[in-house]
């Protein structure tokens, strides 16, 4: 198998460069192979708390992607929204 020809080669290259240049105190990776119905999680130096911290950063990335993908719709909603009355 020629690794450079794999669809995930660029991802693996970025990951390797990050680890070589900066190292890692903790790491998590999840892989999915649909045709084998296979999902695998691998961790480096991750207990329960560290996994939650990493999940939190993943959620931030997901939320930002949702915002960017829906920016025009979000802008329209905000522009048409009526100001909320101050409760005090």
N, C-alpha and C. Protein backbone atom coordinates (compact mmCIF):
# COMPACT_ATOMS: atom_id res chain seq x y z
N UNK A 1 0.85 -1.18 0.00
CA UNK A 1 0.00 0.00 0.00
C UNK A 1 0.89 1.24 0.00
N UNK A 2 0.62 2.14 -0.92
CA UNK A 2 1.32 3.43 -0.97
C UNK A 2 0.54 4.43 -0.13
N UNK A 3 1.07 4.75 1.03
CA UNK A 3 0.37 5.63 1.96
C UNK A 3 0.08 7.00 1.34
N UNK A 4 0.97 7.48 0.51
CA UNK A 4 0.77 8.81 -0.09
C UNK A 4 -0.42 8.86 -1.04
N UNK A 5 -0.90 7.70 -1.46
CA UNK A 5 -2.05 7.64 -2.36
C UNK A 5 -3.38 7.48 -1.62
N UNK A 6 -3.32 7.33 -0.31
CA UNK A 6 -4.54 7.14 0.47
C UNK A 6 -5.30 8.46 0.62
N UNK A 7 -6.63 8.41 0.70
CA UNK A 7 -7.41 9.64 0.83
C UNK A 7 -7.14 10.38 2.14
N UNK A 8 -6.61 9.70 3.13
CA UNK A 8 -6.31 10.31 4.42
C UNK A 8 -4.85 10.72 4.57
N UNK A 9 -4.08 10.66 3.48
CA UNK A 9 -2.65 10.94 3.54
C UNK A 9 -2.36 12.37 4.03
N UNK A 10 -3.11 13.35 3.55
CA UNK A 10 -2.87 14.73 3.96
C UNK A 10 -3.16 14.90 5.45
N UNK A 11 -4.24 14.29 5.93
CA UNK A 11 -4.58 14.32 7.35
C UNK A 11 -3.44 13.72 8.18
N UNK A 12 -2.94 12.57 7.77
CA UNK A 12 -1.87 11.90 8.50
C UNK A 12 -0.60 12.74 8.50
N UNK A 13 -0.33 13.41 7.39
CA UNK A 13 0.84 14.27 7.29
C UNK A 13 0.73 15.45 8.26
N UNK A 14 -0.45 16.11 8.30
CA UNK A 14 -0.65 17.23 9.22
C UNK A 14 -0.51 16.76 10.67
N UNK A 15 -1.08 15.60 10.98
CA UNK A 15 -1.00 15.05 12.34
C UNK A 15 0.45 14.76 12.72
N UNK A 16 1.18 14.13 11.83
CA UNK A 16 2.58 13.81 12.10
C UNK A 16 3.41 15.08 12.30
N UNK A 17 3.20 16.08 11.46
CA UNK A 17 3.94 17.34 11.59
C UNK A 17 3.64 18.01 12.93
N UNK A 18 2.37 18.02 13.33
CA UNK A 18 1.99 18.61 14.61
C UNK A 18 2.70 17.91 15.75
N UNK A 19 2.70 16.58 15.73
CA UNK A 19 3.34 15.81 16.80
C UNK A 19 4.85 16.01 16.80
N UNK A 20 5.46 16.07 15.64
CA UNK A 20 6.90 16.25 15.55
C UNK A 20 7.30 17.66 16.01
N UNK A 21 6.55 18.68 15.58
CA UNK A 21 6.91 20.06 15.91
C UNK A 21 6.55 20.45 17.34
N UNK A 22 5.42 19.94 17.85
CA UNK A 22 4.94 20.41 19.15
C UNK A 22 4.75 19.31 20.19
N UNK A 23 4.71 18.06 19.77
CA UNK A 23 4.46 16.98 20.71
C UNK A 23 3.01 17.04 21.18
N UNK A 24 2.71 16.28 22.21
CA UNK A 24 1.36 16.28 22.79
C UNK A 24 1.43 15.73 24.20
N UNK A 25 0.69 16.37 25.09
CA UNK A 25 0.55 15.84 26.44
C UNK A 25 -0.58 14.82 26.50
N UNK A 26 -1.60 15.06 25.69
CA UNK A 26 -2.71 14.12 25.52
C UNK A 26 -3.11 14.13 24.05
N UNK A 27 -3.70 13.04 23.60
CA UNK A 27 -4.19 12.98 22.22
C UNK A 27 -5.33 11.97 22.13
N UNK A 28 -6.23 12.25 21.20
CA UNK A 28 -7.33 11.33 20.92
C UNK A 28 -7.55 11.31 19.42
N UNK A 29 -7.87 10.15 18.91
CA UNK A 29 -8.19 10.03 17.50
C UNK A 29 -9.33 9.03 17.36
N UNK A 30 -10.25 9.36 16.47
CA UNK A 30 -11.37 8.47 16.19
C UNK A 30 -11.35 8.20 14.70
N UNK A 31 -11.41 6.95 14.32
CA UNK A 31 -11.47 6.59 12.91
C UNK A 31 -12.75 5.82 12.64
N UNK A 32 -13.23 5.98 11.41
CA UNK A 32 -14.47 5.31 11.01
C UNK A 32 -14.27 4.70 9.63
N UNK A 33 -14.66 3.47 9.47
CA UNK A 33 -14.61 2.75 8.20
C UNK A 33 -16.01 2.21 7.94
N UNK A 34 -16.77 2.93 7.11
CA UNK A 34 -18.19 2.61 6.90
C UNK A 34 -18.43 1.19 6.40
N UNK A 35 -17.69 0.78 5.37
CA UNK A 35 -17.98 -0.53 4.78
C UNK A 35 -17.67 -1.70 5.71
N UNK A 36 -16.92 -1.44 6.78
CA UNK A 36 -16.67 -2.47 7.78
C UNK A 36 -17.49 -2.24 9.05
N UNK A 37 -18.32 -1.18 9.03
CA UNK A 37 -19.10 -0.80 10.21
C UNK A 37 -18.19 -0.73 11.44
N UNK A 38 -17.08 -0.02 11.28
CA UNK A 38 -16.02 0.00 12.29
C UNK A 38 -15.72 1.43 12.71
N UNK A 39 -15.77 1.68 14.00
CA UNK A 39 -15.34 2.94 14.60
C UNK A 39 -14.37 2.58 15.71
N UNK A 40 -13.20 3.22 15.68
CA UNK A 40 -12.16 2.92 16.65
C UNK A 40 -11.70 4.22 17.31
N UNK A 41 -11.57 4.20 18.62
CA UNK A 41 -11.01 5.33 19.35
C UNK A 41 -9.66 4.92 19.92
N UNK A 42 -8.72 5.84 19.83
CA UNK A 42 -7.40 5.62 20.40
C UNK A 42 -7.01 6.86 21.19
N UNK A 43 -6.37 6.64 22.34
CA UNK A 43 -6.01 7.74 23.22
C UNK A 43 -4.55 7.63 23.64
N UNK A 44 -3.96 8.79 23.86
CA UNK A 44 -2.64 8.85 24.45
C UNK A 44 -2.74 9.69 25.72
N UNK A 45 -2.42 9.09 26.85
CA UNK A 45 -2.35 9.80 28.13
C UNK A 45 -3.64 10.53 28.46
N UNK A 46 -4.77 9.91 28.19
CA UNK A 46 -6.07 10.55 28.41
C UNK A 46 -6.89 9.76 29.41
N UNK A 47 -7.10 10.38 30.53
CA UNK A 47 -8.08 9.85 31.47
C UNK A 47 -9.42 10.47 31.15
N UNK A 48 -10.34 10.26 32.06
CA UNK A 48 -11.71 10.76 31.91
C UNK A 48 -11.74 12.27 31.69
N UNK A 49 -11.08 13.03 32.54
CA UNK A 49 -11.10 14.50 32.46
C UNK A 49 -10.47 15.01 31.17
N UNK A 50 -9.35 14.45 30.79
CA UNK A 50 -8.67 14.90 29.56
C UNK A 50 -9.53 14.64 28.33
N UNK A 51 -10.25 13.53 28.32
CA UNK A 51 -11.14 13.25 27.19
C UNK A 51 -12.24 14.30 27.10
N UNK A 52 -12.79 14.73 28.25
CA UNK A 52 -13.82 15.77 28.23
C UNK A 52 -13.26 17.10 27.72
N UNK A 53 -12.04 17.42 28.10
CA UNK A 53 -11.42 18.65 27.61
C UNK A 53 -11.29 18.60 26.08
N UNK A 54 -10.81 17.48 25.58
CA UNK A 54 -10.65 17.34 24.12
C UNK A 54 -12.01 17.38 23.41
N UNK A 55 -13.02 16.73 23.98
CA UNK A 55 -14.36 16.77 23.40
C UNK A 55 -14.87 18.21 23.36
N UNK A 56 -14.60 18.98 24.41
CA UNK A 56 -15.01 20.38 24.44
C UNK A 56 -14.44 21.16 23.28
N UNK A 57 -13.18 20.94 22.95
CA UNK A 57 -12.56 21.63 21.82
C UNK A 57 -13.15 21.17 20.50
N UNK A 58 -13.48 19.89 20.40
CA UNK A 58 -14.14 19.38 19.20
C UNK A 58 -15.51 20.04 19.02
N UNK A 59 -16.25 20.19 20.11
CA UNK A 59 -17.57 20.84 20.05
C UNK A 59 -17.45 22.30 19.60
N UNK A 60 -16.44 23.01 20.08
CA UNK A 60 -16.23 24.39 19.65
C UNK A 60 -16.01 24.42 18.14
N UNK A 61 -15.18 23.52 17.62
CA UNK A 61 -14.95 23.46 16.17
C UNK A 61 -16.25 23.20 15.41
N UNK A 62 -17.06 22.29 15.93
CA UNK A 62 -18.33 21.95 15.27
C UNK A 62 -19.27 23.15 15.27
N UNK A 63 -19.40 23.82 16.41
CA UNK A 63 -20.28 24.99 16.49
C UNK A 63 -19.81 26.07 15.53
N UNK A 64 -18.52 26.32 15.46
CA UNK A 64 -18.00 27.34 14.54
C UNK A 64 -18.30 26.95 13.08
N UNK A 65 -18.17 25.68 12.76
CA UNK A 65 -18.47 25.23 11.40
C UNK A 65 -19.96 25.43 11.09
N UNK A 66 -20.81 25.17 12.05
CA UNK A 66 -22.25 25.39 11.86
C UNK A 66 -22.52 26.87 11.62
N UNK A 67 -21.89 27.73 12.41
CA UNK A 67 -22.09 29.17 12.24
C UNK A 67 -21.62 29.63 10.87
N UNK A 68 -20.44 29.22 10.46
CA UNK A 68 -19.91 29.62 9.15
C UNK A 68 -20.80 29.10 8.03
N UNK A 69 -21.24 27.86 8.15
CA UNK A 69 -22.07 27.26 7.10
C UNK A 69 -23.43 27.93 6.98
N UNK A 70 -23.89 28.55 8.06
CA UNK A 70 -25.21 29.17 8.08
C UNK A 70 -25.15 30.67 8.32
N UNK A 71 -24.02 31.29 7.99
CA UNK A 71 -23.80 32.70 8.31
C UNK A 71 -24.86 33.61 7.71
N UNK A 72 -25.22 33.39 6.45
CA UNK A 72 -26.21 34.25 5.81
C UNK A 72 -27.56 34.14 6.50
N UNK A 73 -27.96 32.93 6.82
CA UNK A 73 -29.24 32.74 7.51
C UNK A 73 -29.21 33.33 8.91
N UNK A 74 -28.10 33.15 9.61
CA UNK A 74 -27.97 33.71 10.96
C UNK A 74 -28.01 35.23 10.89
N UNK A 75 -27.33 35.81 9.92
CA UNK A 75 -27.33 37.27 9.75
C UNK A 75 -28.75 37.78 9.49
N UNK A 76 -29.48 37.10 8.63
CA UNK A 76 -30.85 37.51 8.32
C UNK A 76 -31.73 37.42 9.57
N UNK A 77 -31.56 36.38 10.34
CA UNK A 77 -32.34 36.23 11.57
C UNK A 77 -32.03 37.38 12.52
N UNK A 78 -30.76 37.68 12.68
CA UNK A 78 -30.36 38.75 13.61
C UNK A 78 -30.84 40.12 13.13
N UNK A 79 -30.79 40.34 11.83
CA UNK A 79 -31.23 41.63 11.30
C UNK A 79 -32.73 41.83 11.43
N UNK A 80 -33.48 40.75 11.38
CA UNK A 80 -34.94 40.83 11.47
C UNK A 80 -35.47 40.62 12.88
N UNK A 81 -34.59 40.32 13.81
CA UNK A 81 -35.03 40.07 15.18
C UNK A 81 -35.41 41.37 15.86
N UNK A 82 -36.47 41.30 16.61
CA UNK A 82 -36.89 42.46 17.39
C UNK A 82 -36.06 42.47 18.67
N UNK A 83 -35.67 43.66 19.12
CA UNK A 83 -34.88 43.71 20.35
C UNK A 83 -35.68 43.20 21.54
N UNK A 84 -35.02 42.47 22.41
CA UNK A 84 -35.68 41.97 23.61
C UNK A 84 -35.84 43.11 24.60
N UNK A 85 -36.96 43.09 25.28
CA UNK A 85 -37.19 44.11 26.32
C UNK A 85 -36.35 43.77 27.53
N UNK A 86 -35.82 44.81 28.14
CA UNK A 86 -35.02 44.64 29.34
C UNK A 86 -35.93 44.23 30.49
N UNK A 87 -35.63 43.16 31.16
CA UNK A 87 -36.46 42.65 32.23
C UNK A 87 -36.43 43.49 33.49
N UNK A 88 -35.56 44.47 33.58
CA UNK A 88 -35.42 45.20 34.81
C UNK A 88 -35.98 46.52 34.69
